[in-house]
């Protein structure tokens, strides 16, 4: 009997250290519209996308997992099908995305969370000069899908729940080929959730948020299509951020862009683009999702007419000071390119 009690107690200690896991599978249908973010896209934006998705997610309830986000969060894999409502020109998209969903608020029945995803899409119809010249949304069959989706979930039983979501989706090829207008299409979704494993949530204390500003350096690395093939596109960031609440921070800094794919009249320095910016940060433990608004102080004459641009960056801190992530640069609703971001905090 004593031996049994010892084994049972040891098992419980290990289980508590590793944390129990919540697993769920959800099936969702969605309906939306296409945003015509330029005059040329208005004729193509009259249809309504219809979609279906199958989403597998897992939530680890351990203290270690909590500390990574300072919250409970799901990690998952989602397969989705989106029909853009114009089969001959726009076709459909089959997408596979990795997802991250921190829980922002929860009680016995309701959960409010923020789902985000990044992955790949196979597009059945893309731009072709001869056969499909009207589709200036897409030019590469394999492109990137990014989305952000606030979500409400209502628990019916230990096994079943319903969810209501609003997703802002973006598909583009990250500037790897042209034309690359990219498609932005919000969708309202309704889903049915089945919990394969479900346990009561433990309680953990949130870590104290540092009050002082945090300075950091960051670099962005990517390539773009030029006259001689793939050409480097680099950026250097010097900036700071200051937490103002449990999940929010503000900041600012300077980003210097150097795009070697741009044509210049005299010297390469013409393609140097300094841009001061202000930023907002969603802070979830080791994750930092920032939204930056930047102003060009200099840019080549043959570049965009825009004076401002946005940079969206999702960073994960591998170590206390070193981070790795992905950034998306956009002018208004038009995405320009994706890049790899490396950062060091002081």
C-alpha atoms as a PDB file:
ATOM      1  CA  UNK A   1       0.000   0.000   0.000  1.00  0.00           C
ATOM      2  CA  UNK A   2       2.807   2.411   0.890  1.00  0.00           C
ATOM      3  CA  UNK A   3       4.515   1.567  -2.370  1.00  0.00           C
ATOM      4  CA  UNK A   4       1.315   2.344  -4.293  1.00  0.00           C
ATOM      5  CA  UNK A   5       0.890   5.693  -2.501  1.00  0.00           C
ATOM      6  CA  UNK A   6       4.508   6.592  -3.273  1.00  0.00           C
ATOM      7  CA  UNK A   7       4.107   5.784  -6.989  1.00  0.00           C
ATOM      8  CA  UNK A   8       0.790   7.676  -7.187  1.00  0.00           C
ATOM      9  CA  UNK A   9       2.263  10.725  -5.427  1.00  0.00           C
ATOM     10  CA  UNK A  10       5.348  10.700  -7.679  1.00  0.00           C
ATOM     11  CA  UNK A  11       3.141  10.493 -10.771  1.00  0.00           C
ATOM     12  CA  UNK A  12       1.106  13.498  -9.630  1.00  0.00           C
ATOM     13  CA  UNK A  13       4.231  15.547  -8.980  1.00  0.00           C
ATOM     14  CA  UNK A  14       5.546  14.808 -12.488  1.00  0.00           C
ATOM     15  CA  UNK A  15       2.161  15.572 -14.051  1.00  0.00           C
ATOM     16  CA  UNK A  16       1.955  18.890 -12.226  1.00  0.00           C
ATOM     17  CA  UNK A  17       5.486  19.805 -13.323  1.00  0.00           C
ATOM     18  CA  UNK A  18       4.812  18.977 -16.973  1.00  0.00           C
ATOM     19  CA  UNK A  19       1.282  20.345 -16.890  1.00  0.00           C
ATOM     20  CA  UNK A  20      -1.942  18.813 -18.125  1.00  0.00           C
ATOM     21  CA  UNK A  21      -2.906  19.523 -21.731  1.00  0.00           C
ATOM     22  CA  UNK A  22      -6.187  20.734 -23.157  1.00  0.00           C
ATOM     23  CA  UNK A  23      -6.770  19.492 -26.709  1.00  0.00           C
ATOM     24  CA  UNK A  24      -9.545  20.568 -29.015  1.00  0.00           C
ATOM     25  CA  UNK A  25     -10.660  20.209 -32.625  1.00  0.00           C
ATOM     26  CA  UNK A  26     -12.862  22.839 -34.227  1.00  0.00           C
ATOM     27  CA  UNK A  27     -14.759  23.057 -37.504  1.00  0.00           C
ATOM     28  CA  UNK A  28     -15.683  26.551 -38.675  1.00  0.00           C
ATOM     29  CA  UNK A  29     -17.504  28.125 -41.591  1.00  0.00           C
ATOM     30  CA  UNK A  30     -16.933  31.763 -42.544  1.00  0.00           C
ATOM     31  CA  UNK A  31     -18.256  34.432 -44.904  1.00  0.00           C
ATOM     32  CA  UNK A  32     -16.776  37.806 -45.776  1.00  0.00           C
ATOM     33  CA  UNK A  33     -15.884  40.450 -48.330  1.00  0.00           C
ATOM     34  CA  UNK A  34     -12.822  41.671 -50.245  1.00  0.00           C
ATOM     35  CA  UNK A  35     -11.341  45.104 -49.508  1.00  0.00           C
ATOM     36  CA  UNK A  36     -10.551  47.012 -52.754  1.00  0.00           C
ATOM     37  CA  UNK A  37      -7.413  48.767 -51.514  1.00  0.00           C
ATOM     38  CA  UNK A  38      -6.708  50.399 -54.887  1.00  0.00           C
ATOM     39  CA  UNK A  39      -8.842  51.711 -57.731  1.00  0.00           C
ATOM     40  CA  UNK A  40      -7.661  48.936 -60.060  1.00  0.00           C
ATOM     41  CA  UNK A  41      -8.982  46.279 -57.674  1.00  0.00           C
ATOM     42  CA  UNK A  42     -12.584  47.527 -57.412  1.00  0.00           C
ATOM     43  CA  UNK A  43     -13.929  45.438 -60.338  1.00  0.00           C
ATOM     44  CA  UNK A  44     -12.319  42.327 -58.806  1.00  0.00           C
ATOM     45  CA  UNK A  45     -13.643  42.967 -55.295  1.00  0.00           C
ATOM     46  CA  UNK A  46     -17.366  42.528 -55.865  1.00  0.00           C
ATOM     47  CA  UNK A  47     -17.536  38.879 -54.755  1.00  0.00           C
ATOM     48  CA  UNK A  48     -17.878  37.409 -51.256  1.00  0.00           C
ATOM     49  CA  UNK A  49     -15.408  34.764 -50.046  1.00  0.00           C
ATOM     50  CA  UNK A  50     -16.794  31.644 -48.393  1.00  0.00           C
ATOM     51  CA  UNK A  51     -14.591  29.448 -46.242  1.00  0.00           C
ATOM     52  CA  UNK A  52     -14.272  26.333 -44.120  1.00  0.00           C
ATOM     53  CA  UNK A  53     -11.507  25.440 -41.686  1.00  0.00           C
ATOM     54  CA  UNK A  54     -10.425  22.500 -39.539  1.00  0.00           C
ATOM     55  CA  UNK A  55      -8.309  23.516 -36.546  1.00  0.00           C
ATOM     56  CA  UNK A  56      -6.383  21.342 -34.085  1.00  0.00           C
ATOM     57  CA  UNK A  57      -5.069  23.081 -30.937  1.00  0.00           C
ATOM     58  CA  UNK A  58      -3.264  22.170 -27.746  1.00  0.00           C
ATOM     59  CA  UNK A  59      -2.887  24.156 -24.511  1.00  0.00           C
ATOM     60  CA  UNK A  60      -0.255  23.199 -21.945  1.00  0.00           C
ATOM     61  CA  UNK A  61      -1.249  24.158 -18.390  1.00  0.00           C
ATOM     62  CA  UNK A  62       2.245  23.981 -16.892  1.00  0.00           C
ATOM     63  CA  UNK A  63       3.922  26.897 -15.118  1.00  0.00           C
ATOM     64  CA  UNK A  64       6.667  26.887 -17.775  1.00  0.00           C
ATOM     65  CA  UNK A  65       4.141  27.265 -20.585  1.00  0.00           C
ATOM     66  CA  UNK A  66       2.366  30.031 -18.667  1.00  0.00           C
ATOM     67  CA  UNK A  67       5.659  31.908 -18.191  1.00  0.00           C
ATOM     68  CA  UNK A  68       6.342  31.871 -21.958  1.00  0.00           C
ATOM     69  CA  UNK A  69       3.266  34.021 -22.544  1.00  0.00           C
ATOM     70  CA  UNK A  70       2.282  35.264 -19.072  1.00  0.00           C
ATOM     71  CA  UNK A  71      -1.058  33.752 -19.991  1.00  0.00           C
ATOM     72  CA  UNK A  72      -2.625  30.471 -21.055  1.00  0.00           C
ATOM     73  CA  UNK A  73      -2.346  30.014 -24.798  1.00  0.00           C
ATOM     74  CA  UNK A  74      -3.154  27.516 -27.512  1.00  0.00           C
ATOM     75  CA  UNK A  75      -0.721  26.415 -30.217  1.00  0.00           C
ATOM     76  CA  UNK A  76      -2.245  24.781 -33.250  1.00  0.00           C
ATOM     77  CA  UNK A  77      -2.374  23.813 -36.886  1.00  0.00           C
ATOM     78  CA  UNK A  78      -5.207  24.927 -39.157  1.00  0.00           C
ATOM     79  CA  UNK A  79      -6.252  23.716 -42.595  1.00  0.00           C
ATOM     80  CA  UNK A  80      -8.596  26.059 -44.449  1.00  0.00           C
ATOM     81  CA  UNK A  81     -10.389  26.341 -47.777  1.00  0.00           C
ATOM     82  CA  UNK A  82     -11.449  29.756 -49.078  1.00  0.00           C
ATOM     83  CA  UNK A  83     -13.522  30.189 -52.240  1.00  0.00           C
ATOM     84  CA  UNK A  84     -13.251  33.803 -53.421  1.00  0.00           C
ATOM     85  CA  UNK A  85     -16.613  33.768 -55.218  1.00  0.00           C
ATOM     86  CA  UNK A  86     -15.141  34.277 -58.702  1.00  0.00           C
ATOM     87  CA  UNK A  87     -13.905  30.833 -59.878  1.00  0.00           C
ATOM     88  CA  UNK A  88     -12.690  31.756 -63.400  1.00  0.00           C
ATOM     89  CA  UNK A  89     -10.483  34.652 -62.208  1.00  0.00           C
ATOM     90  CA  UNK A  90      -9.786  34.353 -58.464  1.00  0.00           C
ATOM     91  CA  UNK A  91     -10.341  30.622 -57.890  1.00  0.00           C
ATOM     92  CA  UNK A  92      -9.796  29.340 -54.361  1.00  0.00           C
ATOM     93  CA  UNK A  93      -7.074  28.968 -51.713  1.00  0.00           C
ATOM     94  CA  UNK A  94      -6.010  25.887 -49.749  1.00  0.00           C
ATOM     95  CA  UNK A  95      -4.011  26.980 -46.707  1.00  0.00           C
ATOM     96  CA  UNK A  96      -2.015  25.389 -43.919  1.00  0.00           C
ATOM     97  CA  UNK A  97      -1.119  27.700 -41.018  1.00  0.00           C
ATOM     98  CA  UNK A  98       0.491  27.521 -37.636  1.00  0.00           C
ATOM     99  CA  UNK A  99      -1.556  29.341 -35.003  1.00  0.00           C
ATOM    100  CA  UNK A 100      -1.039  31.076 -31.669  1.00  0.00           C
ATOM    101  CA  UNK A 101      -4.025  31.975 -29.477  1.00  0.00           C
ATOM    102  CA  UNK A 102      -3.517  33.659 -26.086  1.00  0.00           C
ATOM    103  CA  UNK A 103      -6.538  33.732 -23.775  1.00  0.00           C
ATOM    104  CA  UNK A 104      -7.209  37.339 -22.765  1.00  0.00           C
ATOM    105  CA  UNK A 105     -10.215  36.749 -20.467  1.00  0.00           C
ATOM    106  CA  UNK A 106     -12.097  33.708 -19.170  1.00  0.00           C
ATOM    107  CA  UNK A 107     -14.876  32.658 -16.808  1.00  0.00           C
ATOM    108  CA  UNK A 108     -16.813  29.410 -16.354  1.00  0.00           C
ATOM    109  CA  UNK A 109     -18.690  29.658 -19.683  1.00  0.00           C
ATOM    110  CA  UNK A 110     -17.084  32.366 -21.821  1.00  0.00           C
ATOM    111  CA  UNK A 111     -13.574  32.770 -23.192  1.00  0.00           C
ATOM    112  CA  UNK A 112     -12.224  35.736 -25.151  1.00  0.00           C
ATOM    113  CA  UNK A 113      -8.986  35.191 -27.075  1.00  0.00           C
ATOM    114  CA  UNK A 114      -6.916  36.596 -29.924  1.00  0.00           C
ATOM    115  CA  UNK A 115      -6.054  34.050 -32.612  1.00  0.00           C
ATOM    116  CA  UNK A 116      -3.242  34.725 -35.081  1.00  0.00           C
ATOM    117  CA  UNK A 117      -1.866  32.564 -37.862  1.00  0.00           C
ATOM    118  CA  UNK A 118       0.956  32.438 -40.396  1.00  0.00           C
ATOM    119  CA  UNK A 119       1.345  29.833 -43.113  1.00  0.00           C
ATOM    120  CA  UNK A 120       1.223  28.919 -46.774  1.00  0.00           C
ATOM    121  CA  UNK A 121      -1.578  29.053 -49.334  1.00  0.00           C
ATOM    122  CA  UNK A 122      -1.926  27.216 -52.623  1.00  0.00           C
ATOM    123  CA  UNK A 123      -3.878  29.418 -55.053  1.00  0.00           C
ATOM    124  CA  UNK A 124      -5.764  27.738 -57.903  1.00  0.00           C
ATOM    125  CA  UNK A 125      -5.857  30.921 -60.050  1.00  0.00           C
ATOM    126  CA  UNK A 126      -3.036  33.465 -60.392  1.00  0.00           C
ATOM    127  CA  UNK A 127      -2.057  36.232 -62.770  1.00  0.00           C
ATOM    128  CA  UNK A 128      -1.179  35.146 -66.288  1.00  0.00           C
ATOM    129  CA  UNK A 129      -0.486  37.703 -69.002  1.00  0.00           C
ATOM    130  CA  UNK A 130      -2.324  35.653 -71.609  1.00  0.00           C
ATOM    131  CA  UNK A 131      -4.839  33.455 -69.770  1.00  0.00           C
ATOM    132  CA  UNK A 132      -5.726  35.417 -66.617  1.00  0.00           C
ATOM    133  CA  UNK A 133      -4.603  39.075 -66.934  1.00  0.00           C
ATOM    134  CA  UNK A 134      -7.363  40.421 -64.656  1.00  0.00           C
ATOM    135  CA  UNK A 135      -6.130  38.713 -61.478  1.00  0.00           C
ATOM    136  CA  UNK A 136      -3.637  41.243 -60.150  1.00  0.00           C
ATOM    137  CA  UNK A 137      -4.217  40.065 -56.562  1.00  0.00           C
ATOM    138  CA  UNK A 138      -1.976  37.018 -56.929  1.00  0.00           C
ATOM    139  CA  UNK A 139       0.994  36.108 -59.130  1.00  0.00           C
ATOM    140  CA  UNK A 140       2.500  33.078 -57.334  1.00  0.00           C
ATOM    141  CA  UNK A 141       0.621  29.771 -56.817  1.00  0.00           C
ATOM    142  CA  UNK A 142       2.284  29.326 -53.418  1.00  0.00           C
ATOM    143  CA  UNK A 143       1.867  32.466 -51.282  1.00  0.00           C
ATOM    144  CA  UNK A 144       1.683  33.465 -47.622  1.00  0.00           C
ATOM    145  CA  UNK A 145      -1.453  33.702 -45.484  1.00  0.00           C
ATOM    146  CA  UNK A 146      -1.521  35.874 -42.373  1.00  0.00           C
ATOM    147  CA  UNK A 147      -4.576  36.483 -40.224  1.00  0.00           C
ATOM    148  CA  UNK A 148      -5.629  38.014 -36.933  1.00  0.00           C
ATOM    149  CA  UNK A 149      -8.914  37.023 -35.322  1.00  0.00           C
ATOM    150  CA  UNK A 150     -10.604  38.081 -32.056  1.00  0.00           C
ATOM    151  CA  UNK A 151     -12.710  35.139 -30.886  1.00  0.00           C
ATOM    152  CA  UNK A 152     -15.500  34.455 -28.388  1.00  0.00           C
ATOM    153  CA  UNK A 153     -16.044  30.877 -27.219  1.00  0.00           C
ATOM    154  CA  UNK A 154     -19.063  29.632 -25.254  1.00  0.00           C
ATOM    155  CA  UNK A 155     -18.742  26.362 -23.297  1.00  0.00           C
ATOM    156  CA  UNK A 156     -21.810  24.111 -23.616  1.00  0.00           C
ATOM    157  CA  UNK A 157     -20.329  21.080 -21.825  1.00  0.00           C
ATOM    158  CA  UNK A 158     -16.970  19.543 -20.955  1.00  0.00           C
ATOM    159  CA  UNK A 159     -16.755  18.289 -24.543  1.00  0.00           C
ATOM    160  CA  UNK A 160     -18.597  20.842 -26.688  1.00  0.00           C
ATOM    161  CA  UNK A 161     -18.342  24.595 -27.302  1.00  0.00           C
ATOM    162  CA  UNK A 162     -19.375  27.169 -29.895  1.00  0.00           C
ATOM    163  CA  UNK A 163     -17.239  30.041 -31.142  1.00  0.00           C
ATOM    164  CA  UNK A 164     -17.801  33.305 -32.963  1.00  0.00           C
ATOM    165  CA  UNK A 165     -14.854  34.982 -34.675  1.00  0.00           C
ATOM    166  CA  UNK A 166     -13.954  37.931 -36.866  1.00  0.00           C
ATOM    167  CA  UNK A 167     -10.833  37.303 -38.956  1.00  0.00           C
ATOM    168  CA  UNK A 168      -8.796  39.781 -40.966  1.00  0.00           C
ATOM    169  CA  UNK A 169      -7.006  37.722 -43.630  1.00  0.00           C
ATOM    170  CA  UNK A 170      -4.166  38.741 -45.913  1.00  0.00           C
ATOM    171  CA  UNK A 171      -2.680  36.681 -48.757  1.00  0.00           C
ATOM    172  CA  UNK A 172       0.354  37.791 -50.779  1.00  0.00           C
ATOM    173  CA  UNK A 173       3.643  36.370 -52.000  1.00  0.00           C
ATOM    174  CA  UNK A 174       5.735  38.692 -49.827  1.00  0.00           C
ATOM    175  CA  UNK A 175       7.073  40.667 -52.794  1.00  0.00           C
ATOM    176  CA  UNK A 176       8.678  37.600 -54.386  1.00  0.00           C
ATOM    177  CA  UNK A 177       6.992  38.185 -57.760  1.00  0.00           C
ATOM    178  CA  UNK A 178       4.792  40.789 -59.451  1.00  0.00           C
ATOM    179  CA  UNK A 179       2.016  41.818 -59.639  1.00  0.00           C
ATOM    180  CA  UNK A 180       1.597  41.494 -55.889  1.00  0.00           C
ATOM    181  CA  UNK A 181      -1.363  43.590 -54.818  1.00  0.00           C
ATOM    182  CA  UNK A 182      -2.297  40.927 -52.290  1.00  0.00           C
ATOM    183  CA  UNK A 183      -5.819  40.299 -51.018  1.00  0.00           C
ATOM    184  CA  UNK A 184      -7.277  41.582 -47.746  1.00  0.00           C
ATOM    185  CA  UNK A 185     -10.586  39.955 -46.844  1.00  0.00           C
ATOM    186  CA  UNK A 186     -12.320  40.122 -43.440  1.00  0.00           C
ATOM    187  CA  UNK A 187     -14.577  37.164 -42.579  1.00  0.00           C
ATOM    188  CA  UNK A 188     -17.147  36.434 -39.887  1.00  0.00           C
ATOM    189  CA  UNK A 189     -16.972  32.845 -38.670  1.00  0.00           C
ATOM    190  CA  UNK A 190     -19.098  30.428 -36.650  1.00  0.00           C
ATOM    191  CA  UNK A 191     -17.587  27.209 -35.357  1.00  0.00           C
ATOM    192  CA  UNK A 192     -18.242  24.016 -33.405  1.00  0.00           C
ATOM    193  CA  UNK A 193     -15.549  22.876 -30.953  1.00  0.00           C
ATOM    194  CA  UNK A 194     -14.927  19.371 -29.614  1.00  0.00           C
ATOM    195  CA  UNK A 195     -12.630  19.018 -26.586  1.00  0.00           C
ATOM    196  CA  UNK A 196     -10.634  15.788 -26.768  1.00  0.00           C
ATOM    197  CA  UNK A 197      -8.992  16.617 -23.422  1.00  0.00           C
ATOM    198  CA  UNK A 198     -10.274  19.216 -20.990  1.00  0.00           C
ATOM    199  CA  UNK A 199      -9.196  20.085 -17.444  1.00  0.00           C
ATOM    200  CA  UNK A 200      -9.899  22.929 -14.988  1.00  0.00           C
ATOM    201  CA  UNK A 201      -7.380  25.745 -15.385  1.00  0.00           C
ATOM    202  CA  UNK A 202      -4.847  26.219 -12.560  1.00  0.00           C
ATOM    203  CA  UNK A 203      -4.038  29.646 -11.159  1.00  0.00           C
ATOM    204  CA  UNK A 204      -0.606  31.240 -11.629  1.00  0.00           C
ATOM    205  CA  UNK A 205       0.572  34.654 -10.531  1.00  0.00           C
ATOM    206  CA  UNK A 206       1.504  37.023 -13.331  1.00  0.00           C
ATOM    207  CA  UNK A 207       5.080  38.248 -13.343  1.00  0.00           C
ATOM    208  CA  UNK A 208       5.667  41.873 -12.502  1.00  0.00           C
ATOM    209  CA  UNK A 209       5.890  44.086 -15.589  1.00  0.00           C
ATOM    210  CA  UNK A 210       9.131  46.117 -15.675  1.00  0.00           C
ATOM    211  CA  UNK A 211       8.400  49.835 -15.548  1.00  0.00           C
ATOM    212  CA  UNK A 212      11.571  51.061 -17.251  1.00  0.00           C
ATOM    213  CA  UNK A 213      12.055  51.486 -21.008  1.00  0.00           C
ATOM    214  CA  UNK A 214      13.746  48.713 -22.928  1.00  0.00           C
ATOM    215  CA  UNK A 215      16.184  49.596 -25.729  1.00  0.00           C
ATOM    216  CA  UNK A 216      16.794  47.210 -28.612  1.00  0.00           C
ATOM    217  CA  UNK A 217      18.556  46.757 -31.945  1.00  0.00           C
ATOM    218  CA  UNK A 218      16.899  44.811 -34.745  1.00  0.00           C
ATOM    219  CA  UNK A 219      17.782  43.834 -38.294  1.00  0.00           C
ATOM    220  CA  UNK A 220      15.572  42.684 -41.161  1.00  0.00           C
ATOM    221  CA  UNK A 221      16.778  40.381 -43.941  1.00  0.00           C
ATOM    222  CA  UNK A 222      15.014  39.516 -47.204  1.00  0.00           C
ATOM    223  CA  UNK A 223      15.466  39.497 -50.984  1.00  0.00           C
ATOM    224  CA  UNK A 224      13.459  41.097 -53.772  1.00  0.00           C
ATOM    225  CA  UNK A 225      13.238  40.619 -57.526  1.00  0.00           C
ATOM    226  CA  UNK A 226      15.690  42.839 -59.444  1.00  0.00           C
ATOM    227  CA  UNK A 227      17.236  43.053 -62.909  1.00  0.00           C
ATOM    228  CA  UNK A 228      19.878  40.474 -61.924  1.00  0.00           C
ATOM    229  CA  UNK A 229      17.664  38.057 -59.987  1.00  0.00           C
ATOM    230  CA  UNK A 230      17.118  38.085 -56.213  1.00  0.00           C
ATOM    231  CA  UNK A 231      18.622  41.238 -54.659  1.00  0.00           C
ATOM    232  CA  UNK A 232      19.200  41.851 -50.897  1.00  0.00           C
ATOM    233  CA  UNK A 233      16.805  44.074 -48.996  1.00  0.00           C
ATOM    234  CA  UNK A 234      18.105  45.063 -45.547  1.00  0.00           C
ATOM    235  CA  UNK A 235      16.959  47.163 -42.617  1.00  0.00           C
ATOM    236  CA  UNK A 236      18.418  48.241 -39.277  1.00  0.00           C
ATOM    237  CA  UNK A 237      16.292  49.344 -36.321  1.00  0.00           C
ATOM    238  CA  UNK A 238      17.336  51.322 -33.232  1.00  0.00           C
ATOM    239  CA  UNK A 239      14.395  51.728 -30.879  1.00  0.00           C
ATOM    240  CA  UNK A 240      12.859  51.508 -27.397  1.00  0.00           C
ATOM    241  CA  UNK A 241       9.640  50.218 -25.869  1.00  0.00           C
ATOM    242  CA  UNK A 242       7.964  50.848 -22.513  1.00  0.00           C
ATOM    243  CA  UNK A 243       5.310  48.559 -20.953  1.00  0.00           C
ATOM    244  CA  UNK A 244       2.213  50.463 -19.851  1.00  0.00           C
ATOM    245  CA  UNK A 245      -0.003  47.517 -18.779  1.00  0.00           C
ATOM    246  CA  UNK A 246       0.048  43.747 -18.466  1.00  0.00           C
ATOM    247  CA  UNK A 247      -0.109  43.193 -22.242  1.00  0.00           C
ATOM    248  CA  UNK A 248       0.484  46.635 -23.793  1.00  0.00           C
ATOM    249  CA  UNK A 249       3.531  48.740 -24.508  1.00  0.00           C
ATOM    250  CA  UNK A 250       4.415  51.821 -26.533  1.00  0.00           C
ATOM    251  CA  UNK A 251       7.648  52.865 -28.164  1.00  0.00           C
ATOM    252  CA  UNK A 252       9.467  54.448 -31.054  1.00  0.00           C
ATOM    253  CA  UNK A 253      12.721  54.552 -32.909  1.00  0.00           C
ATOM    254  CA  UNK A 254      14.461  54.792 -36.266  1.00  0.00           C
ATOM    255  CA  UNK A 255      14.489  52.233 -39.070  1.00  0.00           C
ATOM    256  CA  UNK A 256      17.009  52.531 -41.910  1.00  0.00           C
ATOM    257  CA  UNK A 257      16.053  50.591 -45.052  1.00  0.00           C
ATOM    258  CA  UNK A 258      18.421  49.716 -47.895  1.00  0.00           C
ATOM    259  CA  UNK A 259      16.772  48.028 -50.878  1.00  0.00           C
ATOM    260  CA  UNK A 260      19.372  47.037 -53.473  1.00  0.00           C
ATOM    261  CA  UNK A 261      16.654  46.063 -55.982  1.00  0.00           C
ATOM    262  CA  UNK A 262      15.627  49.712 -56.481  1.00  0.00           C
ATOM    263  CA  UNK A 263      17.035  51.616 -59.423  1.00  0.00           C
ATOM    264  CA  UNK A 264      19.056  54.750 -58.642  1.00  0.00           C
ATOM    265  CA  UNK A 265      20.054  57.678 -60.844  1.00  0.00           C
ATOM    266  CA  UNK A 266      23.546  58.384 -59.523  1.00  0.00           C
ATOM    267  CA  UNK A 267      24.612  56.747 -56.259  1.00  0.00           C
ATOM    268  CA  UNK A 268      23.481  53.832 -54.129  1.00  0.00           C
ATOM    269  CA  UNK A 269      22.887  56.225 -51.226  1.00  0.00           C
ATOM    270  CA  UNK A 270      19.695  57.300 -53.011  1.00  0.00           C
ATOM    271  CA  UNK A 271      18.150  53.943 -52.046  1.00  0.00           C
ATOM    272  CA  UNK A 272      18.876  54.515 -48.344  1.00  0.00           C
ATOM    273  CA  UNK A 273      15.551  55.189 -46.619  1.00  0.00           C
ATOM    274  CA  UNK A 274      15.689  56.439 -43.000  1.00  0.00           C
ATOM    275  CA  UNK A 275      12.285  56.341 -41.311  1.00  0.00           C
ATOM    276  CA  UNK A 276      11.453  57.350 -37.718  1.00  0.00           C
ATOM    277  CA  UNK A 277       8.478  55.445 -36.288  1.00  0.00           C
ATOM    278  CA  UNK A 278       6.131  55.102 -33.347  1.00  0.00           C
ATOM    279  CA  UNK A 279       4.958  51.690 -32.185  1.00  0.00           C
ATOM    280  CA  UNK A 280       2.457  49.755 -30.118  1.00  0.00           C
ATOM    281  CA  UNK A 281       3.346  46.370 -28.614  1.00  0.00           C
ATOM    282  CA  UNK A 282       1.238  43.431 -27.513  1.00  0.00           C
ATOM    283  CA  UNK A 283       3.407  41.762 -24.858  1.00  0.00           C
ATOM    284  CA  UNK A 284       2.744  38.112 -24.017  1.00  0.00           C
ATOM    285  CA  UNK A 285       5.701  36.857 -22.004  1.00  0.00           C
ATOM    286  CA  UNK A 286       8.321  35.821 -24.559  1.00  0.00           C
ATOM    287  CA  UNK A 287       6.156  36.999 -27.472  1.00  0.00           C
ATOM    288  CA  UNK A 288       6.133  40.600 -28.722  1.00  0.00           C
ATOM    289  CA  UNK A 289       3.747  41.598 -31.523  1.00  0.00           C
ATOM    290  CA  UNK A 290       4.454  45.184 -32.581  1.00  0.00           C
ATOM    291  CA  UNK A 291       2.670  47.507 -35.000  1.00  0.00           C
ATOM    292  CA  UNK A 292       4.814  50.375 -36.246  1.00  0.00           C
ATOM    293  CA  UNK A 293       3.925  53.512 -38.201  1.00  0.00           C
ATOM    294  CA  UNK A 294       6.949  55.001 -39.983  1.00  0.00           C
ATOM    295  CA  UNK A 295       7.598  58.164 -42.009  1.00  0.00           C
ATOM    296  CA  UNK A 296      10.053  58.258 -44.923  1.00  0.00           C
ATOM    297  CA  UNK A 297      12.542  61.117 -44.554  1.00  0.00           C
ATOM    298  CA  UNK A 298      14.160  60.075 -47.837  1.00  0.00           C
ATOM    299  CA  UNK A 299      13.358  57.601 -50.610  1.00  0.00           C
ATOM    300  CA  UNK A 300      14.155  57.118 -54.327  1.00  0.00           C
ATOM    301  CA  UNK A 301      12.070  59.066 -56.815  1.00  0.00           C
ATOM    302  CA  UNK A 302      10.873  55.894 -58.545  1.00  0.00           C
ATOM    303  CA  UNK A 303       9.658  54.302 -55.286  1.00  0.00           C
ATOM    304  CA  UNK A 304       6.114  54.438 -53.826  1.00  0.00           C
ATOM    305  CA  UNK A 305       4.237  57.731 -53.586  1.00  0.00           C
ATOM    306  CA  UNK A 306       3.409  56.902 -49.962  1.00  0.00           C
ATOM    307  CA  UNK A 307       5.130  58.979 -47.271  1.00  0.00           C
ATOM    308  CA  UNK A 308       4.168  56.529 -44.503  1.00  0.00           C
ATOM    309  CA  UNK A 309       4.382  52.774 -44.133  1.00  0.00           C
ATOM    310  CA  UNK A 310       3.479  50.148 -41.513  1.00  0.00           C
ATOM    311  CA  UNK A 311       5.670  47.381 -40.183  1.00  0.00           C
ATOM    312  CA  UNK A 312       4.096  44.442 -38.344  1.00  0.00           C
ATOM    313  CA  UNK A 313       6.591  42.288 -36.436  1.00  0.00           C
ATOM    314  CA  UNK A 314       6.063  39.123 -34.384  1.00  0.00           C
ATOM    315  CA  UNK A 315       9.136  38.361 -32.244  1.00  0.00           C
ATOM    316  CA  UNK A 316       9.878  35.470 -29.917  1.00  0.00           C
ATOM    317  CA  UNK A 317      12.651  35.722 -27.320  1.00  0.00           C
ATOM    318  CA  UNK A 318      14.766  32.584 -27.569  1.00  0.00           C
ATOM    319  CA  UNK A 319      16.922  33.913 -24.732  1.00  0.00           C
ATOM    320  CA  UNK A 320      16.562  36.820 -22.326  1.00  0.00           C
ATOM    321  CA  UNK A 321      18.048  39.327 -24.775  1.00  0.00           C
ATOM    322  CA  UNK A 322      17.945  37.633 -28.205  1.00  0.00           C
ATOM    323  CA  UNK A 323      14.792  37.464 -30.332  1.00  0.00           C
ATOM    324  CA  UNK A 324      13.853  36.046 -33.718  1.00  0.00           C
ATOM    325  CA  UNK A 325      10.744  36.838 -35.717  1.00  0.00           C
ATOM    326  CA  UNK A 326       8.949  37.712 -38.939  1.00  0.00           C
ATOM    327  CA  UNK A 327       8.090  41.192 -40.205  1.00  0.00           C
ATOM    328  CA  UNK A 328       5.627  42.433 -42.815  1.00  0.00           C
ATOM    329  CA  UNK A 329       6.036  45.840 -44.456  1.00  0.00           C
ATOM    330  CA  UNK A 330       2.922  47.435 -45.957  1.00  0.00           C
ATOM    331  CA  UNK A 331       1.822  50.707 -47.546  1.00  0.00           C
ATOM    332  CA  UNK A 332      -1.778  51.138 -46.478  1.00  0.00           C
ATOM    333  CA  UNK A 333      -3.563  47.893 -47.398  1.00  0.00           C
ATOM    334  CA  UNK A 334      -0.819  46.887 -49.860  1.00  0.00           C
ATOM    335  CA  UNK A 335       1.771  44.462 -48.480  1.00  0.00           C
ATOM    336  CA  UNK A 336       5.270  44.924 -49.876  1.00  0.00           C
ATOM    337  CA  UNK A 337       7.386  42.092 -48.470  1.00  0.00           C
ATOM    338  CA  UNK A 338       8.063  39.702 -45.601  1.00  0.00           C
ATOM    339  CA  UNK A 339      11.430  39.454 -43.910  1.00  0.00           C
ATOM    340  CA  UNK A 340      13.304  37.659 -41.143  1.00  0.00           C
ATOM    341  CA  UNK A 341      13.928  39.772 -38.026  1.00  0.00           C
ATOM    342  CA  UNK A 342      16.743  39.313 -35.492  1.00  0.00           C
ATOM    343  CA  UNK A 343      16.897  41.472 -32.355  1.00  0.00           C
ATOM    344  CA  UNK A 344      18.978  42.188 -29.280  1.00  0.00           C
ATOM    345  CA  UNK A 345      17.571  43.945 -26.200  1.00  0.00           C
ATOM    346  CA  UNK A 346      19.515  45.941 -23.592  1.00  0.00           C
END
